[in-house]
C-alpha atoms as a PDB file:
ATOM      1  CA  MET A   1       3.410  33.323  -4.468  1.00  0.00           C
ATOM      2  CA  SER A   2       6.808  35.122  -4.902  1.00  0.00           C
ATOM      3  CA  ASN A   3       9.398  32.867  -6.422  1.00  0.00           C
ATOM      4  CA  ILE A   4      12.297  34.836  -4.982  1.00  0.00           C
ATOM      5  CA  LEU A   5      13.842  33.466  -2.120  1.00  0.00           C
ATOM      6  CA  ASP A   6      16.043  35.378   0.643  1.00  0.00           C
ATOM      7  CA  GLU A   7      19.756  35.703   0.231  1.00  0.00           C
ATOM      8  CA  GLU A   8      20.438  32.679   2.340  1.00  0.00           C
ATOM      9  CA  LYS A   9      18.480  30.307   0.249  1.00  0.00           C
ATOM     10  CA  THR A  10      19.591  31.471  -3.198  1.00  0.00           C
ATOM     11  CA  ILE A  11      23.435  30.697  -2.595  1.00  0.00           C
ATOM     12  CA  ASP A  12      24.854  27.805  -5.119  1.00  0.00           C
ATOM     13  CA  LEU A  13      21.292  26.712  -6.170  1.00  0.00           C
ATOM     14  CA  ASP A  14      21.414  23.237  -7.814  1.00  0.00           C
ATOM     15  CA  PRO A  15      19.803  24.051 -11.717  1.00  0.00           C
ATOM     16  CA  SER A  16      16.914  21.589 -11.045  1.00  0.00           C
ATOM     17  CA  LEU A  17      15.978  23.908  -7.804  1.00  0.00           C
ATOM     18  CA  ARG A  18      15.966  27.035  -9.823  1.00  0.00           C
ATOM     19  CA  ASN A  19      13.638  25.208 -12.213  1.00  0.00           C
ATOM     20  CA  VAL A  20      11.279  24.715  -9.165  1.00  0.00           C
ATOM     21  CA  GLN A  21      11.657  28.556  -8.307  1.00  0.00           C
ATOM     22  CA  VAL A  22      10.728  29.771 -11.981  1.00  0.00           C
ATOM     23  CA  ARG A  23       8.060  27.451 -12.221  1.00  0.00           C
ATOM     24  CA  ASP A  24       6.968  28.510  -8.695  1.00  0.00           C
ATOM     25  CA  THR A  25       6.032  24.824  -8.240  1.00  0.00           C
ATOM     26  CA  LEU A  26       7.454  21.856  -6.520  1.00  0.00           C
ATOM     27  CA  ILE A  27       6.462  18.871  -8.543  1.00  0.00           C
ATOM     28  CA  ALA A  28       6.795  15.703  -6.107  1.00  0.00           C
ATOM     29  CA  LEU A  29       5.967  12.144  -6.350  1.00  0.00           C
ATOM     30  CA  THR A  30       4.779   9.979  -3.536  1.00  0.00           C
ATOM     31  CA  ASP A  31       2.791   6.731  -3.003  1.00  0.00           C
ATOM     32  CA  TYR A  32      -0.731   6.468  -1.548  1.00  0.00           C
ATOM     33  CA  ASN A  33      -0.800   4.579   1.874  1.00  0.00           C
ATOM     34  CA  SER A  34      -1.564   4.790   5.318  1.00  0.00           C
ATOM     35  CA  THR A  35       1.886   6.409   5.973  1.00  0.00           C
ATOM     36  CA  ASN A  36       3.293   8.523   3.268  1.00  0.00           C
ATOM     37  CA  TYR A  37       0.018  10.035   1.984  1.00  0.00           C
ATOM     38  CA  PHE A  38      -3.345   9.610   2.326  1.00  0.00           C
ATOM     39  CA  ILE A  39      -6.905  11.544   2.705  1.00  0.00           C
ATOM     40  CA  TYR A  40      -8.956  11.742   6.082  1.00  0.00           C
ATOM     41  CA  ARG A  41     -11.735  13.670   6.416  1.00  0.00           C
ATOM     42  CA  GLY A  42     -11.284  15.306   3.114  1.00  0.00           C
ATOM     43  CA  GLU A  43      -7.717  16.731   4.333  1.00  0.00           C
ATOM     44  CA  PRO A  44      -4.325  15.416   2.735  1.00  0.00           C
ATOM     45  CA  MET A  45      -1.987  13.818   5.497  1.00  0.00           C
ATOM     46  CA  GLY A  46       0.897  11.610   5.828  1.00  0.00           C
ATOM     47  CA  TYR A  47       4.638  11.548   6.789  1.00  0.00           C
ATOM     48  CA  GLN A  48       5.846  12.353   3.477  1.00  0.00           C
ATOM     49  CA  PHE A  49       3.223  14.815   2.696  1.00  0.00           C
ATOM     50  CA  GLU A  50       4.122  16.907   5.508  1.00  0.00           C
ATOM     51  CA  MET A  51       7.881  17.114   4.733  1.00  0.00           C
ATOM     52  CA  LEU A  52       6.848  18.016   1.327  1.00  0.00           C
ATOM     53  CA  LYS A  53       4.366  20.635   2.416  1.00  0.00           C
ATOM     54  CA  GLU A  54       7.399  21.953   4.822  1.00  0.00           C
ATOM     55  CA  PHE A  55      10.014  22.052   2.173  1.00  0.00           C
ATOM     56  CA  ALA A  56       7.572  23.682  -0.741  1.00  0.00           C
ATOM     57  CA  ASP A  57       6.756  26.476   2.121  1.00  0.00           C
ATOM     58  CA  PHE A  58      10.656  26.977   2.762  1.00  0.00           C
ATOM     59  CA  LEU A  59      11.082  27.474  -1.012  1.00  0.00           C
ATOM     60  CA  ASP A  60       8.084  29.785  -1.104  1.00  0.00           C
ATOM     61  CA  VAL A  61       6.558  27.788  -3.875  1.00  0.00           C
ATOM     62  CA  ASN A  62       3.429  25.546  -4.355  1.00  0.00           C
ATOM     63  CA  LEU A  63       3.311  21.790  -4.017  1.00  0.00           C
ATOM     64  CA  LYS A  64       1.948  19.856  -6.739  1.00  0.00           C
ATOM     65  CA  LEU A  65       1.714  15.898  -6.097  1.00  0.00           C
ATOM     66  CA  VAL A  66       1.881  13.089  -8.596  1.00  0.00           C
ATOM     67  CA  ILE A  67       0.743   9.730  -6.584  1.00  0.00           C
ATOM     68  CA  THR A  68       1.827   6.393  -8.123  1.00  0.00           C
ATOM     69  CA  SER A  69       2.754   2.888  -6.650  1.00  0.00           C
ATOM     70  CA  ASP A  70       4.524   2.066  -9.883  1.00  0.00           C
ATOM     71  CA  MET A  71       8.231   1.988  -8.544  1.00  0.00           C
ATOM     72  CA  HIS A  72       9.790   1.456 -12.093  1.00  0.00           C
ATOM     73  CA  GLY A  73       7.422   4.219 -13.467  1.00  0.00           C
ATOM     74  CA  ALA A  74       8.334   6.412 -10.561  1.00  0.00           C
ATOM     75  CA  PHE A  75      11.922   6.284 -11.468  1.00  0.00           C
ATOM     76  CA  ASP A  76      11.040   6.883 -14.923  1.00  0.00           C
ATOM     77  CA  LEU A  77       9.243  10.076 -14.403  1.00  0.00           C
ATOM     78  CA  LEU A  78      12.140  11.380 -11.939  1.00  0.00           C
ATOM     79  CA  GLU A  79      14.878  10.585 -14.769  1.00  0.00           C
ATOM     80  CA  GLU A  80      12.864  12.170 -17.540  1.00  0.00           C
ATOM     81  CA  GLY A  81      12.167  15.487 -15.686  1.00  0.00           C
ATOM     82  CA  THR A  82       8.556  14.938 -15.152  1.00  0.00           C
ATOM     83  CA  VAL A  83       8.539  15.426 -11.253  1.00  0.00           C
ATOM     84  CA  ASP A  84      11.592  17.180  -9.209  1.00  0.00           C
ATOM     85  CA  MET A  85      11.839  14.665  -6.412  1.00  0.00           C
ATOM     86  CA  MET A  86      10.414  11.291  -5.036  1.00  0.00           C
ATOM     87  CA  ALA A  87       9.395  11.097  -1.635  1.00  0.00           C
ATOM     88  CA  MET A  88       8.591   7.491  -0.840  1.00  0.00           C
ATOM     89  CA  GLY A  89      10.082   4.854   1.518  1.00  0.00           C
ATOM     90  CA  LEU A  90      12.853   3.591  -0.966  1.00  0.00           C
ATOM     91  CA  THR A  91      15.685   1.293   0.361  1.00  0.00           C
ATOM     92  CA  VAL A  92      18.994   2.650  -0.553  1.00  0.00           C
ATOM     93  CA  THR A  93      20.728   0.185  -3.035  1.00  0.00           C
ATOM     94  CA  ARG A  94      23.640   0.518  -5.024  1.00  0.00           C
ATOM     95  CA  ASP A  95      22.039   0.216  -8.277  1.00  0.00           C
ATOM     96  CA  ARG A  96      19.395   3.095  -7.083  1.00  0.00           C
ATOM     97  CA  GLN A  97      22.267   4.962  -6.147  1.00  0.00           C
ATOM     98  CA  GLY A  98      23.653   4.939  -9.743  1.00  0.00           C
ATOM     99  CA  ILE A  99      20.622   6.723 -11.094  1.00  0.00           C
ATOM    100  CA  VAL A 100      19.438   9.003  -8.247  1.00  0.00           C
ATOM    101  CA  ASP A 101      20.751  11.081  -5.361  1.00  0.00           C
ATOM    102  CA  PHE A 102      19.298  10.075  -2.069  1.00  0.00           C
ATOM    103  CA  THR A 103      18.807  12.411   0.965  1.00  0.00           C
ATOM    104  CA  VAL A 104      20.198  11.406   4.316  1.00  0.00           C
ATOM    105  CA  PRO A 105      17.899   8.396   5.672  1.00  0.00           C
ATOM    106  CA  GLN A 106      14.656   9.612   7.117  1.00  0.00           C
ATOM    107  CA  ILE A 107      13.776   6.215   8.780  1.00  0.00           C
ATOM    108  CA  GLN A 108      15.574   3.137   9.671  1.00  0.00           C
ATOM    109  CA  THR A 109      13.409  -0.192   9.179  1.00  0.00           C
ATOM    110  CA  LYS A 110      14.117  -3.935   8.172  1.00  0.00           C
ATOM    111  CA  GLN A 111      11.828  -6.151   5.727  1.00  0.00           C
ATOM    112  CA  VAL A 112       9.612  -8.511   7.336  1.00  0.00           C
ATOM    113  CA  LEU A 113       7.521 -11.489   6.355  1.00  0.00           C
ATOM    114  CA  VAL A 114       3.566 -10.747   6.634  1.00  0.00           C
ATOM    115  CA  GLN A 115       1.680 -14.022   7.503  1.00  0.00           C
ATOM    116  CA  ARG A 116      -1.761 -14.844   8.729  1.00  0.00           C
ATOM    117  CA  LYS A 117      -2.097 -16.262  12.468  1.00  0.00           C
ATOM    118  CA  PRO A 118      -3.869 -19.742  12.408  1.00  0.00           C
ATOM    119  CA  GLU A 119      -7.671 -19.126  11.873  1.00  0.00           C
ATOM    120  CA  ASN A 120      -8.352 -20.299  15.568  1.00  0.00           C
ATOM    121  CA  TRP A 121      -5.444 -18.120  17.089  1.00  0.00           C
ATOM    122  CA  ARG A 122      -7.912 -16.362  19.502  1.00  0.00           C
ATOM    123  CA  LYS A 123      -9.034 -19.431  21.048  1.00  0.00           C
ATOM    124  CA  MET A 124      -5.496 -20.717  21.713  1.00  0.00           C
ATOM    125  CA  ARG A 125      -4.222 -20.768  25.458  1.00  0.00           C
ATOM    126  CA  THR A 126      -0.971 -20.134  25.113  1.00  0.00           C
ATOM    127  CA  TRP A 127       1.343 -17.974  22.611  1.00  0.00           C
ATOM    128  CA  ASP A 128       3.364 -21.134  21.950  1.00  0.00           C
ATOM    129  CA  GLU A 129       0.610 -22.624  20.203  1.00  0.00           C
ATOM    130  CA  ILE A 130       0.522 -19.576  17.735  1.00  0.00           C
ATOM    131  CA  GLU A 131       4.330 -19.545  17.361  1.00  0.00           C
ATOM    132  CA  ASP A 132       4.200 -23.061  16.507  1.00  0.00           C
ATOM    133  CA  GLN A 133       2.246 -22.723  13.345  1.00  0.00           C
ATOM    134  CA  LEU A 134       4.307 -19.506  12.012  1.00  0.00           C
ATOM    135  CA  ILE A 135       7.272 -19.193  10.139  1.00  0.00           C
ATOM    136  CA  ARG A 136      10.264 -17.802  12.348  1.00  0.00           C
ATOM    137  CA  ASN A 137      12.914 -19.196  10.443  1.00  0.00           C
ATOM    138  CA  PRO A 138      13.499 -17.991   6.643  1.00  0.00           C
ATOM    139  CA  LEU A 139      14.627 -21.675   6.100  1.00  0.00           C
ATOM    140  CA  GLU A 140      10.999 -22.469   6.459  1.00  0.00           C
ATOM    141  CA  LEU A 141      10.225 -20.257   3.274  1.00  0.00           C
ATOM    142  CA  ALA A 142      11.558 -23.005   1.224  1.00  0.00           C
ATOM    143  CA  GLY A 143       8.708 -24.254  -1.182  1.00  0.00           C
ATOM    144  CA  LYS A 144       6.479 -21.407  -0.222  1.00  0.00           C
ATOM    145  CA  ASP A 145       4.680 -19.038  -2.486  1.00  0.00           C
ATOM    146  CA  VAL A 146       5.429 -15.361  -1.751  1.00  0.00           C
ATOM    147  CA  TYR A 147       4.000 -12.257  -3.126  1.00  0.00           C
ATOM    148  CA  VAL A 148       5.565  -8.870  -3.748  1.00  0.00           C
ATOM    149  CA  GLN A 149       4.919  -5.568  -5.336  1.00  0.00           C
ATOM    150  CA  LYS A 150       6.621  -5.020  -8.707  1.00  0.00           C
ATOM    151  CA  GLY A 151       9.598  -2.888  -8.705  1.00  0.00           C
ATOM    152  CA  THR A 152      10.489  -2.966  -4.837  1.00  0.00           C
ATOM    153  CA  ILE A 153      13.811  -4.799  -3.788  1.00  0.00           C
ATOM    154  CA  PHE A 154      11.784  -7.303  -1.806  1.00  0.00           C
ATOM    155  CA  ALA A 155      12.003  -9.884  -4.724  1.00  0.00           C
ATOM    156  CA  ASP A 156      15.992  -9.429  -4.747  1.00  0.00           C
ATOM    157  CA  ARG A 157      15.992 -10.086  -1.088  1.00  0.00           C
ATOM    158  CA  LEU A 158      13.826 -13.254  -1.309  1.00  0.00           C
ATOM    159  CA  SER A 159      16.212 -14.339  -4.298  1.00  0.00           C
ATOM    160  CA  ILE A 160      19.181 -13.977  -1.879  1.00  0.00           C
ATOM    161  CA  LEU A 161      17.294 -15.947   0.854  1.00  0.00           C
ATOM    162  CA  ALA A 162      16.552 -18.900  -1.491  1.00  0.00           C
ATOM    163  CA  ASN A 163      20.137 -18.956  -2.600  1.00  0.00           C
ATOM    164  CA  GLU A 164      21.305 -18.961   1.149  1.00  0.00           C
ATOM    165  CA  ILE A 165      18.712 -21.941   1.945  1.00  0.00           C
ATOM    166  CA  GLY A 166      19.597 -23.847  -1.126  1.00  0.00           C
ATOM    167  CA  ASP A 167      16.233 -24.223  -1.837  1.00  0.00           C
ATOM    168  CA  THR A 168      13.256 -22.653  -3.945  1.00  0.00           C
ATOM    169  CA  ILE A 169      10.996 -19.720  -2.851  1.00  0.00           C
ATOM    170  CA  HIS A 170       8.379 -19.401  -5.344  1.00  0.00           C
ATOM    171  CA  ILE A 171       8.397 -15.370  -5.809  1.00  0.00           C
ATOM    172  CA  HIS A 172       5.287 -13.966  -7.420  1.00  0.00           C
ATOM    173  CA  ILE A 173       5.728 -10.474  -8.706  1.00  0.00           C
ATOM    174  CA  ASP A 174       2.511  -8.657  -8.414  1.00  0.00           C
ATOM    175  CA  ASP A 175       1.958  -6.081 -11.305  1.00  0.00           C
ATOM    176  CA  ASP A 176      -1.316  -4.787 -10.088  1.00  0.00           C
ATOM    177  CA  ARG A 177      -1.091  -4.488  -6.119  1.00  0.00           C
ATOM    178  CA  GLU A 178       1.100  -2.506  -4.026  1.00  0.00           C
ATOM    179  CA  VAL A 179       2.565  -3.642  -0.666  1.00  0.00           C
ATOM    180  CA  GLU A 180      -0.534  -2.595   1.639  1.00  0.00           C
ATOM    181  CA  GLN A 181      -3.031  -4.262  -0.806  1.00  0.00           C
ATOM    182  CA  LEU A 182      -0.783  -7.439  -0.812  1.00  0.00           C
ATOM    183  CA  ILE A 183      -0.976  -7.251   3.033  1.00  0.00           C
ATOM    184  CA  THR A 184      -4.756  -7.088   2.887  1.00  0.00           C
ATOM    185  CA  ALA A 185      -4.845 -10.111   0.608  1.00  0.00           C
ATOM    186  CA  VAL A 186      -2.767 -11.919   3.434  1.00  0.00           C
ATOM    187  CA  ALA A 187      -5.068 -11.012   5.956  1.00  0.00           C
ATOM    188  CA  GLN A 188      -8.369 -12.031   3.904  1.00  0.00           C
ATOM    189  CA  GLY A 189      -6.637 -15.390   3.213  1.00  0.00           C
ATOM    190  CA  GLU A 190      -6.101 -14.550  -0.621  1.00  0.00           C
ATOM    191  CA  ILE A 191      -2.367 -15.266  -0.617  1.00  0.00           C
ATOM    192  CA  GLU A 192      -0.365 -16.789   2.037  1.00  0.00           C
ATOM    193  CA  TYR A 193       2.773 -14.535   2.467  1.00  0.00           C
ATOM    194  CA  THR A 194       4.096 -11.001   1.382  1.00  0.00           C
ATOM    195  CA  VAL A 195       6.865  -8.922   2.331  1.00  0.00           C
ATOM    196  CA  ALA A 196       6.694  -5.163   3.884  1.00  0.00           C
ATOM    197  CA  ASP A 197       8.973  -2.889   5.275  1.00  0.00           C
ATOM    198  CA  GLU A 198       8.278  -3.432   9.217  1.00  0.00           C
ATOM    199  CA  HIS A 199       6.866   0.161   9.852  1.00  0.00           C
ATOM    200  CA  ILE A 200       4.157  -0.143   7.241  1.00  0.00           C
ATOM    201  CA  ALA A 201       3.671  -3.836   8.138  1.00  0.00           C
ATOM    202  CA  LYS A 202       2.880  -2.597  11.825  1.00  0.00           C
ATOM    203  CA  VAL A 203       0.507   0.122  10.723  1.00  0.00           C
ATOM    204  CA  ASN A 204      -1.331  -2.365   8.801  1.00  0.00           C
ATOM    205  CA  GLN A 205      -1.531  -4.849  11.846  1.00  0.00           C
ATOM    206  CA  LYS A 206      -3.584  -2.396  13.611  1.00  0.00           C
ATOM    207  CA  TYR A 207      -6.079  -3.233  10.907  1.00  0.00           C
ATOM    208  CA  TYR A 208      -5.632  -6.735  10.584  1.00  0.00           C
ATOM    209  CA  PRO A 209      -4.761  -8.249  13.957  1.00  0.00           C
ATOM    210  CA  ASN A 210      -5.204 -11.683  12.618  1.00  0.00           C
ATOM    211  CA  ILE A 211      -1.738 -11.078  10.418  1.00  0.00           C
ATOM    212  CA  ASP A 212       1.820 -11.387  12.123  1.00  0.00           C
ATOM    213  CA  VAL A 213       4.734  -9.231  11.077  1.00  0.00           C
ATOM    214  CA  ASN A 214       7.564 -10.409  13.607  1.00  0.00           C
ATOM    215  CA  THR A 215       9.529 -12.380  11.138  1.00  0.00           C
ATOM    216  CA  ALA A 216      12.503 -10.439   9.873  1.00  0.00           C
ATOM    217  CA  LEU A 217      13.858 -10.860   6.602  1.00  0.00           C
ATOM    218  CA  SER A 218      16.699  -8.630   6.337  1.00  0.00           C
END
C-alpha cells in the first residue's frame, strides 16, 4: 500500500500524521462493546471501527486496532506514543483537554442510571406501579451502592451529586468490569445500580428488557 498521499492531503501535515504515513499503518485504540467495535459472524463492525477504517483508507494506510477497556491505560498508551489515536466514547472534560486533543464531537449523550425493574414488572397493570419502584430523582440515590467502571467520569458525576444532595452515595469503582458488563450485572441481579452513557444503555436495554435507563444524571 502506498504511503504517498496526493498533494491536497500532504499540506501542513502534523508530525504524528507523517509518522503514520512512514509506518504505513494507523494504530488506533478502541474498546470492545456493542457500539464501538465488535465481531459479528466473523466480521469486524461498529461505529468507531467504521470511522477508523474510512480514515485509514483516506490516508491510504493500513489499520491496526488496539482493544482495551482500561481508560487510564488507554490515555497512557496515547501519551507514550504506542497508539496514534483513541476512538472511544469519551466525555470532554477540562482535565482531559489538558492532556489530549479532541475532534469535534461525534455524538451528544447524557449519563443515565441503569437500574432493574421490579421482578414482577410484566404482571403489573399500570406503568405507574413500575415507576413507583424506580429511582427517578437523584435525591433517592442517597445511601445507595452504585458501581462504575474504573477510569470513567461517572464516579466524578456521582460525587458531585452526593455533594448536591448533601448525603452519601456509596460509589464502587470496578477495576475488572467495563460498562456493558456492569449493565449485565444489574440485569442479572448481581448489583443494583450502575451508570452509563445513554446511547450505550439503550442498546443494552434491547438485550435486557428488565432494566430501566430513563433516569438522567447529567
